Amino acid sequence: MDPNSHTASPAQNSKKPVSQSPPPLLSGPGAKLANLTITLGELISEETNFLKKRQASEAQRLHGKKNRLMAEYRETLNSLQVNNKLLGPPDSPARVYIRELTDKFREILRDHARIVLRLKSVAEGIVRSVGEEVIKVNRPIVSYGRNAAFKMPTASRPMSLQLNQMV
């Protein structure tokens, strides 16, 4: 391994192979988990790229497949946790390979979560600023009444609506 590989940029990390050695022969739930991890990672990376390009409709098309794969991933992971001897001893090549895949998958998920949170905060900021502008435009005119006192506004001020929806 390259001693400087830990300083590589995320773009370089995405292009480098997960392991320097060939993946071990996996069968059953171990192979299924490895394949699901790779497929789900690629799908989430694709969705992240669509979000970075501001193509939300393209990213939304992937939600059905992503949800199906996530459910299958969770199911397979639970079955492996129940039957943890299927992957061999704790330091077996199969476990090391799956651990490397999982670490790479976590990196992809962190990147995706960062992009989603950034886009969410931008959207909330836009909604908030539009609401503030509406309040400014619809602000009642303060004037004096017949007795040299301020007229009380009859209508209440509109308020902006903010949605707190988890993505």
N, C-alpha and C. Protein backbone atom coordinates (compact mmCIF):
# COMPACT_ATOMS: atom_id res chain seq x y z
N MET A 1 0.83 -1.19 0.00
CA MET A 1 0.00 0.00 0.00
C MET A 1 0.87 1.24 0.00
N ASP A 2 0.38 2.30 -0.56
CA ASP A 2 1.06 3.57 -0.60
C ASP A 2 0.99 4.22 0.77
N PRO A 3 2.11 4.61 1.37
CA PRO A 3 2.06 5.20 2.70
C PRO A 3 1.32 6.55 2.71
N ASN A 4 1.20 7.19 1.57
CA ASN A 4 0.51 8.48 1.50
C ASN A 4 -0.94 8.35 1.10
N SER A 5 -1.46 7.14 1.06
CA SER A 5 -2.83 6.95 0.60
C SER A 5 -3.84 7.56 1.54
N HIS A 6 -3.50 7.74 2.81
CA HIS A 6 -4.44 8.34 3.75
C HIS A 6 -4.60 9.83 3.53
N THR A 7 -3.71 10.45 2.74
CA THR A 7 -3.82 11.88 2.47
C THR A 7 -4.45 12.16 1.12
N ALA A 8 -4.90 11.14 0.44
CA ALA A 8 -5.50 11.34 -0.89
C ALA A 8 -6.83 12.06 -0.77
N SER A 9 -7.15 12.81 -1.79
CA SER A 9 -8.42 13.54 -1.78
C SER A 9 -9.57 12.57 -1.98
N PRO A 10 -10.83 12.98 -1.61
CA PRO A 10 -11.97 12.09 -1.80
C PRO A 10 -12.16 11.67 -3.25
N ALA A 11 -11.81 12.55 -4.19
CA ALA A 11 -11.95 12.19 -5.60
C ALA A 11 -10.99 11.06 -5.96
N GLN A 12 -9.78 11.10 -5.38
CA GLN A 12 -8.83 10.04 -5.66
C GLN A 12 -9.25 8.76 -4.95
N ASN A 13 -9.80 8.89 -3.75
CA ASN A 13 -10.25 7.71 -3.00
C ASN A 13 -11.35 6.97 -3.73
N SER A 14 -12.23 7.71 -4.42
CA SER A 14 -13.34 7.04 -5.10
C SER A 14 -12.86 6.23 -6.30
N LYS A 15 -11.68 6.57 -6.83
CA LYS A 15 -11.18 5.86 -7.99
C LYS A 15 -10.26 4.70 -7.61
N LYS A 16 -9.72 4.73 -6.39
CA LYS A 16 -8.80 3.66 -6.02
C LYS A 16 -9.59 2.43 -5.58
N PRO A 17 -9.07 1.25 -5.81
CA PRO A 17 -9.79 0.04 -5.42
C PRO A 17 -9.90 -0.04 -3.91
N VAL A 18 -10.91 -0.78 -3.46
CA VAL A 18 -11.15 -0.90 -2.03
C VAL A 18 -10.00 -1.63 -1.36
N SER A 19 -9.48 -2.65 -1.98
CA SER A 19 -8.41 -3.45 -1.38
C SER A 19 -7.33 -3.71 -2.43
N GLN A 20 -6.10 -3.81 -1.98
CA GLN A 20 -5.01 -4.10 -2.91
C GLN A 20 -5.04 -5.56 -3.34
N SER A 21 -5.49 -6.44 -2.46
CA SER A 21 -5.56 -7.85 -2.79
C SER A 21 -6.93 -8.16 -3.40
N PRO A 22 -7.01 -9.22 -4.18
CA PRO A 22 -8.31 -9.56 -4.76
C PRO A 22 -9.31 -9.92 -3.66
N PRO A 23 -10.58 -9.65 -3.89
CA PRO A 23 -11.57 -9.95 -2.86
C PRO A 23 -11.64 -11.45 -2.62
N PRO A 24 -11.86 -11.84 -1.37
CA PRO A 24 -11.95 -13.27 -1.07
C PRO A 24 -13.22 -13.85 -1.67
N LEU A 25 -13.23 -15.15 -1.81
CA LEU A 25 -14.42 -15.82 -2.31
C LEU A 25 -15.49 -15.80 -1.22
N LEU A 26 -16.57 -15.15 -1.50
CA LEU A 26 -17.67 -15.06 -0.56
C LEU A 26 -18.85 -15.84 -1.10
N SER A 27 -19.64 -16.36 -0.20
CA SER A 27 -20.85 -17.06 -0.64
C SER A 27 -21.97 -16.74 0.34
N GLY A 28 -23.18 -16.98 -0.09
CA GLY A 28 -24.35 -16.79 0.76
C GLY A 28 -24.56 -15.34 1.15
N PRO A 29 -24.93 -15.10 2.41
CA PRO A 29 -25.22 -13.74 2.86
C PRO A 29 -24.01 -12.81 2.79
N GLY A 30 -22.80 -13.33 2.94
CA GLY A 30 -21.60 -12.50 2.84
C GLY A 30 -21.44 -11.91 1.46
N ALA A 31 -21.63 -12.74 0.43
CA ALA A 31 -21.53 -12.27 -0.96
C ALA A 31 -22.66 -11.29 -1.26
N LYS A 32 -23.84 -11.61 -0.75
CA LYS A 32 -25.00 -10.73 -0.98
C LYS A 32 -24.76 -9.37 -0.33
N LEU A 33 -24.21 -9.35 0.90
CA LEU A 33 -23.93 -8.09 1.59
C LEU A 33 -22.88 -7.28 0.83
N ALA A 34 -21.84 -7.95 0.35
CA ALA A 34 -20.79 -7.24 -0.40
C ALA A 34 -21.37 -6.63 -1.67
N ASN A 35 -22.17 -7.40 -2.41
CA ASN A 35 -22.77 -6.89 -3.65
C ASN A 35 -23.74 -5.74 -3.37
N LEU A 36 -24.54 -5.87 -2.32
CA LEU A 36 -25.48 -4.80 -1.97
C LEU A 36 -24.75 -3.54 -1.54
N THR A 37 -23.66 -3.70 -0.79
CA THR A 37 -22.89 -2.54 -0.35
C THR A 37 -22.31 -1.80 -1.54
N ILE A 38 -21.76 -2.53 -2.49
CA ILE A 38 -21.18 -1.91 -3.67
C ILE A 38 -22.27 -1.23 -4.51
N THR A 39 -23.37 -1.93 -4.75
CA THR A 39 -24.45 -1.39 -5.57
C THR A 39 -25.08 -0.17 -4.92
N LEU A 40 -25.34 -0.25 -3.64
CA LEU A 40 -25.95 0.86 -2.92
C LEU A 40 -25.00 2.06 -2.87
N GLY A 41 -23.72 1.81 -2.70
CA GLY A 41 -22.73 2.89 -2.71
C GLY A 41 -22.69 3.61 -4.05
N GLU A 42 -22.72 2.82 -5.13
CA GLU A 42 -22.72 3.43 -6.47
C GLU A 42 -24.00 4.24 -6.70
N LEU A 43 -25.13 3.72 -6.26
CA LEU A 43 -26.41 4.41 -6.44
C LEU A 43 -26.44 5.71 -5.65
N ILE A 44 -25.96 5.68 -4.42
CA ILE A 44 -25.95 6.89 -3.60
C ILE A 44 -24.95 7.90 -4.15
N SER A 45 -23.83 7.43 -4.67
CA SER A 45 -22.87 8.35 -5.31
C SER A 45 -23.50 9.03 -6.53
N GLU A 46 -24.25 8.25 -7.31
CA GLU A 46 -24.94 8.81 -8.47
C GLU A 46 -25.96 9.86 -8.03
N GLU A 47 -26.70 9.55 -6.98
CA GLU A 47 -27.68 10.51 -6.46
C GLU A 47 -26.99 11.78 -5.96
N THR A 48 -25.87 11.61 -5.28
CA THR A 48 -25.11 12.77 -4.78
C THR A 48 -24.64 13.63 -5.94
N ASN A 49 -24.18 13.00 -7.01
CA ASN A 49 -23.74 13.77 -8.18
C ASN A 49 -24.89 14.54 -8.80
N PHE A 50 -26.08 13.94 -8.87
CA PHE A 50 -27.25 14.65 -9.38
C PHE A 50 -27.57 15.85 -8.50
N LEU A 51 -27.48 15.67 -7.18
CA LEU A 51 -27.77 16.77 -6.26
C LEU A 51 -26.74 17.88 -6.39
N LYS A 52 -25.49 17.52 -6.58
CA LYS A 52 -24.44 18.53 -6.76
C LYS A 52 -24.68 19.35 -8.02
N LYS A 53 -25.23 18.70 -9.05
CA LYS A 53 -25.53 19.38 -10.32
C LYS A 53 -26.89 20.07 -10.29
N ARG A 54 -27.56 20.05 -9.14
CA ARG A 54 -28.90 20.66 -8.96
C ARG A 54 -29.95 19.99 -9.84
N GLN A 55 -29.84 18.69 -10.02
CA GLN A 55 -30.81 17.92 -10.81
C GLN A 55 -31.62 17.04 -9.86
N ALA A 56 -32.46 17.70 -9.06
CA ALA A 56 -33.21 17.00 -8.02
C ALA A 56 -34.19 15.99 -8.61
N SER A 57 -34.78 16.30 -9.76
CA SER A 57 -35.74 15.36 -10.35
C SER A 57 -35.05 14.06 -10.77
N GLU A 58 -33.83 14.16 -11.26
CA GLU A 58 -33.07 12.96 -11.62
C GLU A 58 -32.72 12.15 -10.37
N ALA A 59 -32.36 12.85 -9.31
CA ALA A 59 -32.02 12.17 -8.05
C ALA A 59 -33.27 11.50 -7.47
N GLN A 60 -34.40 12.12 -7.62
CA GLN A 60 -35.63 11.57 -7.07
C GLN A 60 -36.03 10.27 -7.76
N ARG A 61 -35.67 10.13 -9.02
CA ARG A 61 -35.98 8.90 -9.75
C ARG A 61 -35.31 7.68 -9.13
N LEU A 62 -34.22 7.89 -8.42
CA LEU A 62 -33.45 6.79 -7.84
C LEU A 62 -33.98 6.34 -6.48
N HIS A 63 -34.93 7.10 -5.89
CA HIS A 63 -35.39 6.81 -4.53
C HIS A 63 -36.01 5.43 -4.38
N GLY A 64 -36.83 5.00 -5.33
CA GLY A 64 -37.47 3.69 -5.22
C GLY A 64 -36.46 2.56 -5.17
N LYS A 65 -35.51 2.60 -6.08
CA LYS A 65 -34.47 1.57 -6.12
C LYS A 65 -33.60 1.64 -4.87
N LYS A 66 -33.29 2.86 -4.43
CA LYS A 66 -32.46 3.02 -3.24
C LYS A 66 -33.18 2.46 -2.01
N ASN A 67 -34.46 2.74 -1.86
CA ASN A 67 -35.21 2.23 -0.71
C ASN A 67 -35.29 0.71 -0.72
N ARG A 68 -35.48 0.14 -1.91
CA ARG A 68 -35.53 -1.31 -2.02
C ARG A 68 -34.19 -1.93 -1.64
N LEU A 69 -33.10 -1.36 -2.14
CA LEU A 69 -31.77 -1.87 -1.83
C LEU A 69 -31.43 -1.69 -0.35
N MET A 70 -31.86 -0.57 0.24
CA MET A 70 -31.59 -0.35 1.66
C MET A 70 -32.31 -1.38 2.53
N ALA A 71 -33.56 -1.69 2.17
CA ALA A 71 -34.30 -2.69 2.93
C ALA A 71 -33.63 -4.06 2.81
N GLU A 72 -33.20 -4.41 1.61
CA GLU A 72 -32.52 -5.69 1.38
C GLU A 72 -31.18 -5.73 2.12
N TYR A 73 -30.47 -4.59 2.13
CA TYR A 73 -29.19 -4.47 2.84
C TYR A 73 -29.40 -4.69 4.34
N ARG A 74 -30.41 -4.02 4.89
CA ARG A 74 -30.71 -4.14 6.32
C ARG A 74 -31.06 -5.59 6.68
N GLU A 75 -31.86 -6.22 5.83
CA GLU A 75 -32.26 -7.61 6.05
C GLU A 75 -31.04 -8.54 6.04
N THR A 76 -30.18 -8.37 5.06
CA THR A 76 -28.99 -9.21 4.94
C THR A 76 -28.04 -8.98 6.11
N LEU A 77 -27.88 -7.73 6.49
CA LEU A 77 -27.00 -7.40 7.62
C LEU A 77 -27.53 -8.02 8.90
N ASN A 78 -28.84 -7.96 9.10
CA ASN A 78 -29.44 -8.58 10.30
C ASN A 78 -29.24 -10.09 10.31
N SER A 79 -29.39 -10.73 9.16
CA SER A 79 -29.19 -12.19 9.12
C SER A 79 -27.73 -12.55 9.39
N LEU A 80 -26.80 -11.71 8.94
CA LEU A 80 -25.39 -11.97 9.23
C LEU A 80 -25.06 -11.72 10.70
N GLN A 81 -25.73 -10.76 11.31
CA GLN A 81 -25.48 -10.51 12.73
C GLN A 81 -26.00 -11.66 13.58
N VAL A 82 -27.10 -12.25 13.17
CA VAL A 82 -27.63 -13.40 13.89
C VAL A 82 -26.73 -14.61 13.70
N ASN A 83 -26.27 -14.83 12.48
CA ASN A 83 -25.39 -15.97 12.15
C ASN A 83 -23.99 -15.45 11.87
N ASN A 84 -23.36 -14.85 12.86
CA ASN A 84 -22.07 -14.19 12.62
C ASN A 84 -20.93 -15.16 12.33
N LYS A 85 -21.12 -16.44 12.48
CA LYS A 85 -20.07 -17.41 12.19
C LYS A 85 -19.95 -17.70 10.69
N LEU A 86 -20.91 -17.20 9.90
CA LEU A 86 -20.88 -17.45 8.46
C LEU A 86 -19.67 -16.80 7.78
N LEU A 87 -19.15 -15.75 8.37
CA LEU A 87 -18.01 -15.06 7.77
C LEU A 87 -16.67 -15.53 8.31
N GLY A 88 -16.68 -16.47 9.22
CA GLY A 88 -15.43 -17.01 9.75
C GLY A 88 -14.97 -16.24 10.98
N PRO A 89 -13.70 -16.44 11.34
CA PRO A 89 -13.15 -15.78 12.54
C PRO A 89 -13.06 -14.26 12.34
N PRO A 90 -12.88 -13.52 13.44
CA PRO A 90 -12.87 -12.04 13.36
C PRO A 90 -11.82 -11.45 12.41
N ASP A 91 -10.71 -12.13 12.19
CA ASP A 91 -9.67 -11.58 11.31
C ASP A 91 -9.62 -12.28 9.95
N SER A 92 -10.70 -12.92 9.57
CA SER A 92 -10.73 -13.63 8.29
C SER A 92 -10.71 -12.64 7.12
N PRO A 93 -10.22 -13.08 5.96
CA PRO A 93 -10.19 -12.19 4.79
C PRO A 93 -11.58 -11.69 4.39
N ALA A 94 -12.60 -12.52 4.58
CA ALA A 94 -13.96 -12.11 4.23
C ALA A 94 -14.40 -10.94 5.10
N ARG A 95 -14.15 -11.02 6.38
CA ARG A 95 -14.53 -9.93 7.30
C ARG A 95 -13.74 -8.66 7.01
N VAL A 96 -12.45 -8.81 6.73
CA VAL A 96 -11.62 -7.64 6.41
C VAL A 96 -12.14 -6.97 5.15
N TYR A 97 -12.47 -7.75 4.13
CA TYR A 97 -12.98 -7.21 2.88
C TYR A 97 -14.31 -6.49 3.10
N ILE A 98 -15.21 -7.10 3.84
CA ILE A 98 -16.51 -6.47 4.11
C ILE A 98 -16.32 -5.21 4.95
N ARG A 99 -15.38 -5.22 5.87
CA ARG A 99 -15.10 -4.04 6.68
C ARG A 99 -14.59 -2.90 5.79
N GLU A 100 -13.72 -3.22 4.82
CA GLU A 100 -13.22 -2.20 3.89
C GLU A 100 -14.36 -1.64 3.03
N LEU A 101 -15.22 -2.53 2.56
CA LEU A 101 -16.38 -2.08 1.78
C LEU A 101 -17.29 -1.17 2.61
N THR A 102 -17.49 -1.55 3.86
CA THR A 102 -18.35 -0.78 4.75
C THR A 102 -17.74 0.59 5.04
N ASP A 103 -16.43 0.65 5.23
CA ASP A 103 -15.78 1.95 5.46
C ASP A 103 -15.95 2.87 4.26
N LYS A 104 -15.77 2.32 3.06
CA LYS A 104 -15.95 3.11 1.84
C LYS A 104 -17.41 3.57 1.72
N PHE A 105 -18.34 2.69 2.05
CA PHE A 105 -19.77 3.01 2.01
C PHE A 105 -20.09 4.13 2.99
N ARG A 106 -19.49 4.10 4.16
CA ARG A 106 -19.71 5.17 5.14
C ARG A 106 -19.21 6.51 4.63
N GLU A 107 -18.08 6.52 3.93
CA GLU A 107 -17.58 7.76 3.32
C GLU A 107 -18.59 8.32 2.33
N ILE A 108 -19.15 7.44 1.51
CA ILE A 108 -20.14 7.85 0.52
C ILE A 108 -21.36 8.42 1.22
N LEU A 109 -21.81 7.77 2.29
CA LEU A 109 -22.97 8.25 3.04
C LEU A 109 -22.70 9.60 3.71
N ARG A 110 -21.50 9.80 4.24
CA ARG A 110 -21.16 11.09 4.85
C ARG A 110 -21.20 12.21 3.81
N ASP A 111 -20.64 11.94 2.64
CA ASP A 111 -20.65 12.93 1.56
C ASP A 111 -22.08 13.25 1.15
N HIS A 112 -22.89 12.21 1.02
CA HIS A 112 -24.29 12.39 0.62
C HIS A 112 -25.06 13.20 1.67
N ALA A 113 -24.87 12.87 2.94
CA ALA A 113 -25.57 13.59 4.01
C ALA A 113 -25.15 15.06 4.04
N ARG A 114 -23.88 15.33 3.81
CA ARG A 114 -23.40 16.71 3.80
C ARG A 114 -24.06 17.51 2.68
N ILE A 115 -24.17 16.92 1.50
CA ILE A 115 -24.81 17.60 0.36
C ILE A 115 -26.29 17.83 0.63
N VAL A 116 -26.97 16.81 1.16
CA VAL A 116 -28.41 16.93 1.43
C VAL A 116 -28.66 18.01 2.48
N LEU A 117 -27.87 18.04 3.54
CA LEU A 117 -28.05 19.06 4.58
C LEU A 117 -27.77 20.46 4.04
N ARG A 118 -26.76 20.57 3.17
CA ARG A 118 -26.47 21.88 2.59
C ARG A 118 -27.63 22.36 1.72
N LEU A 119 -28.17 21.48 0.89
CA LEU A 119 -29.30 21.86 0.04
C LEU A 119 -30.55 22.16 0.87
N LYS A 120 -30.73 21.43 1.95
CA LYS A 120 -31.88 21.67 2.83
C LYS A 120 -31.77 23.05 3.48
N SER A 121 -30.60 23.40 3.96
CA SER A 121 -30.44 24.71 4.61
C SER A 121 -30.59 25.84 3.60
N VAL A 122 -30.14 25.63 2.38
CA VAL A 122 -30.33 26.65 1.33
C VAL A 122 -31.82 26.84 1.05
N ALA A 123 -32.56 25.74 0.92
CA ALA A 123 -34.00 25.83 0.64
C ALA A 123 -34.73 26.50 1.80
N GLU A 124 -34.37 26.17 3.03
CA GLU A 124 -35.01 26.81 4.18
C GLU A 124 -34.69 28.30 4.22
N GLY A 125 -33.47 28.67 3.87
CA GLY A 125 -33.10 30.08 3.83
C GLY A 125 -33.90 30.84 2.78
N ILE A 126 -34.13 30.21 1.63
CA ILE A 126 -34.93 30.85 0.58
C ILE A 126 -36.36 31.05 1.05
N VAL A 127 -36.95 30.02 1.67
CA VAL A 127 -38.33 30.12 2.17
C VAL A 127 -38.42 31.22 3.23
N ARG A 128 -37.45 31.28 4.12
CA ARG A 128 -37.46 32.28 5.18
C ARG A 128 -37.34 33.69 4.60
N SER A 129 -36.43 33.88 3.64
CA SER A 129 -36.25 35.22 3.08
C SER A 129 -37.46 35.65 2.26
N VAL A 130 -38.10 34.72 1.56
CA VAL A 130 -39.32 35.06 0.82
C VAL A 130 -40.41 35.47 1.80
N GLY A 131 -40.54 34.74 2.90
CA GLY A 131 -41.53 35.10 3.92
C GLY A 131 -41.27 36.47 4.51
N GLU A 132 -40.01 36.80 4.76
CA GLU A 132 -39.67 38.12 5.30
C GLU A 132 -40.00 39.22 4.30
N GLU A 133 -39.75 38.96 3.02
CA GLU A 133 -40.07 39.96 2.00
C GLU A 133 -41.58 40.17 1.89
N VAL A 134 -42.35 39.10 2.01
CA VAL A 134 -43.81 39.21 1.98
C VAL A 134 -44.29 40.05 3.16
N ILE A 135 -43.71 39.84 4.33
CA ILE A 135 -44.07 40.64 5.50
C ILE A 135 -43.76 42.11 5.27
N LYS A 136 -42.60 42.40 4.68
CA LYS A 136 -42.23 43.78 4.42
C LYS A 136 -43.20 44.44 3.45
N VAL A 137 -43.57 43.72 2.40
CA VAL A 137 -44.47 44.27 1.39
C VAL A 137 -45.86 44.50 1.96
N ASN A 138 -46.33 43.57 2.78
CA ASN A 138 -47.69 43.65 3.31
C ASN A 138 -47.78 44.38 4.64
N ARG A 139 -46.70 44.99 5.08
CA ARG A 139 -46.71 45.70 6.35
C ARG A 139 -47.70 46.86 6.27
N PRO A 140 -48.56 47.00 7.27
CA PRO A 140 -49.54 48.09 7.22
C PRO A 140 -48.85 49.45 7.36
N ILE A 141 -49.42 50.42 6.73
CA ILE A 141 -48.88 51.76 6.78
C ILE A 141 -49.27 52.38 8.13
N VAL A 142 -48.27 52.87 8.82
CA VAL A 142 -48.53 53.51 10.10
C VAL A 142 -48.90 54.97 9.82
N SER A 143 -50.05 55.37 10.32
CA SER A 143 -50.47 56.75 10.12
C SER A 143 -51.23 57.23 11.35
N TYR A 144 -51.52 58.51 11.35
CA TYR A 144 -52.25 59.09 12.47
C TYR A 144 -53.75 59.03 12.20
N GLY A 145 -54.50 58.85 13.27
CA GLY A 145 -55.95 58.84 13.17
C GLY A 145 -56.53 60.22 13.42
N ARG A 146 -57.83 60.26 13.71
CA ARG A 146 -58.51 61.55 13.92
C ARG A 146 -58.04 62.29 15.16
N ASN A 147 -57.66 61.55 16.17
CA ASN A 147 -57.29 62.20 17.43
C ASN A 147 -55.78 62.32 17.60
N ALA A 148 -55.06 62.33 16.53
CA ALA A 148 -53.59 62.43 16.54
C ALA A 148 -52.93 61.24 17.21
N ALA A 149 -53.59 60.11 17.16
CA ALA A 149 -53.02 58.87 17.68
C ALA A 149 -52.79 57.92 16.51
N PHE A 150 -51.88 56.98 16.70
CA PHE A 150 -51.62 56.02 15.63
C PHE A 150 -52.85 55.17 15.38
N LYS A 151 -53.11 54.90 14.09
CA LYS A 151 -54.19 53.97 13.74
C LYS A 151 -53.71 52.56 14.01
N MET A 152 -54.55 51.76 14.57
CA MET A 152 -54.22 50.37 14.82
C MET A 152 -54.49 49.56 13.56
N PRO A 153 -53.54 48.74 13.12
CA PRO A 153 -53.80 47.92 11.93
C PRO A 153 -54.90 46.90 12.23
N THR A 154 -55.75 46.71 11.27
CA THR A 154 -56.88 45.80 11.48
C THR A 154 -56.53 44.36 11.14
N ALA A 155 -55.68 44.14 10.18
CA ALA A 155 -55.32 42.78 9.79
C ALA A 155 -54.01 42.38 10.46
N SER A 156 -53.89 41.10 10.77
CA SER A 156 -52.64 40.62 11.36
C SER A 156 -51.62 40.37 10.27
N ARG A 157 -50.39 40.37 10.67
CA ARG A 157 -49.30 40.17 9.70
C ARG A 157 -49.24 38.71 9.25
N PRO A 158 -48.98 38.49 7.98
CA PRO A 158 -48.78 37.11 7.54
C PRO A 158 -47.43 36.60 8.03
N MET A 159 -47.37 35.32 8.28
CA MET A 159 -46.12 34.72 8.75
C MET A 159 -45.66 33.67 7.75
N SER A 160 -44.37 33.51 7.65
CA SER A 160 -43.86 32.49 6.73
C SER A 160 -44.00 31.12 7.37
N LEU A 161 -44.19 30.14 6.54
CA LEU A 161 -44.35 28.77 6.98
C LEU A 161 -43.05 28.03 6.68
N GLN A 162 -42.48 27.40 7.70
CA GLN A 162 -41.26 26.62 7.50
C GLN A 162 -41.59 25.16 7.75
N LEU A 163 -41.14 24.32 6.86
CA LEU A 163 -41.37 22.90 6.99
C LEU A 163 -40.10 22.24 7.49
N ASN A 164 -40.23 21.44 8.49
CA ASN A 164 -39.10 20.69 9.01
C ASN A 164 -39.30 19.23 8.63
N GLN A 165 -38.86 18.88 7.45
CA GLN A 165 -39.05 17.53 6.95
C GLN A 165 -37.71 16.84 6.85
N MET A 166 -37.61 15.67 7.44
CA MET A 166 -36.36 14.91 7.38
C MET A 166 -36.23 14.30 6.00
N VAL A 167 -35.05 14.41 5.42
CA VAL A 167 -34.82 13.86 4.09
C VAL A 167 -34.20 12.50 4.21
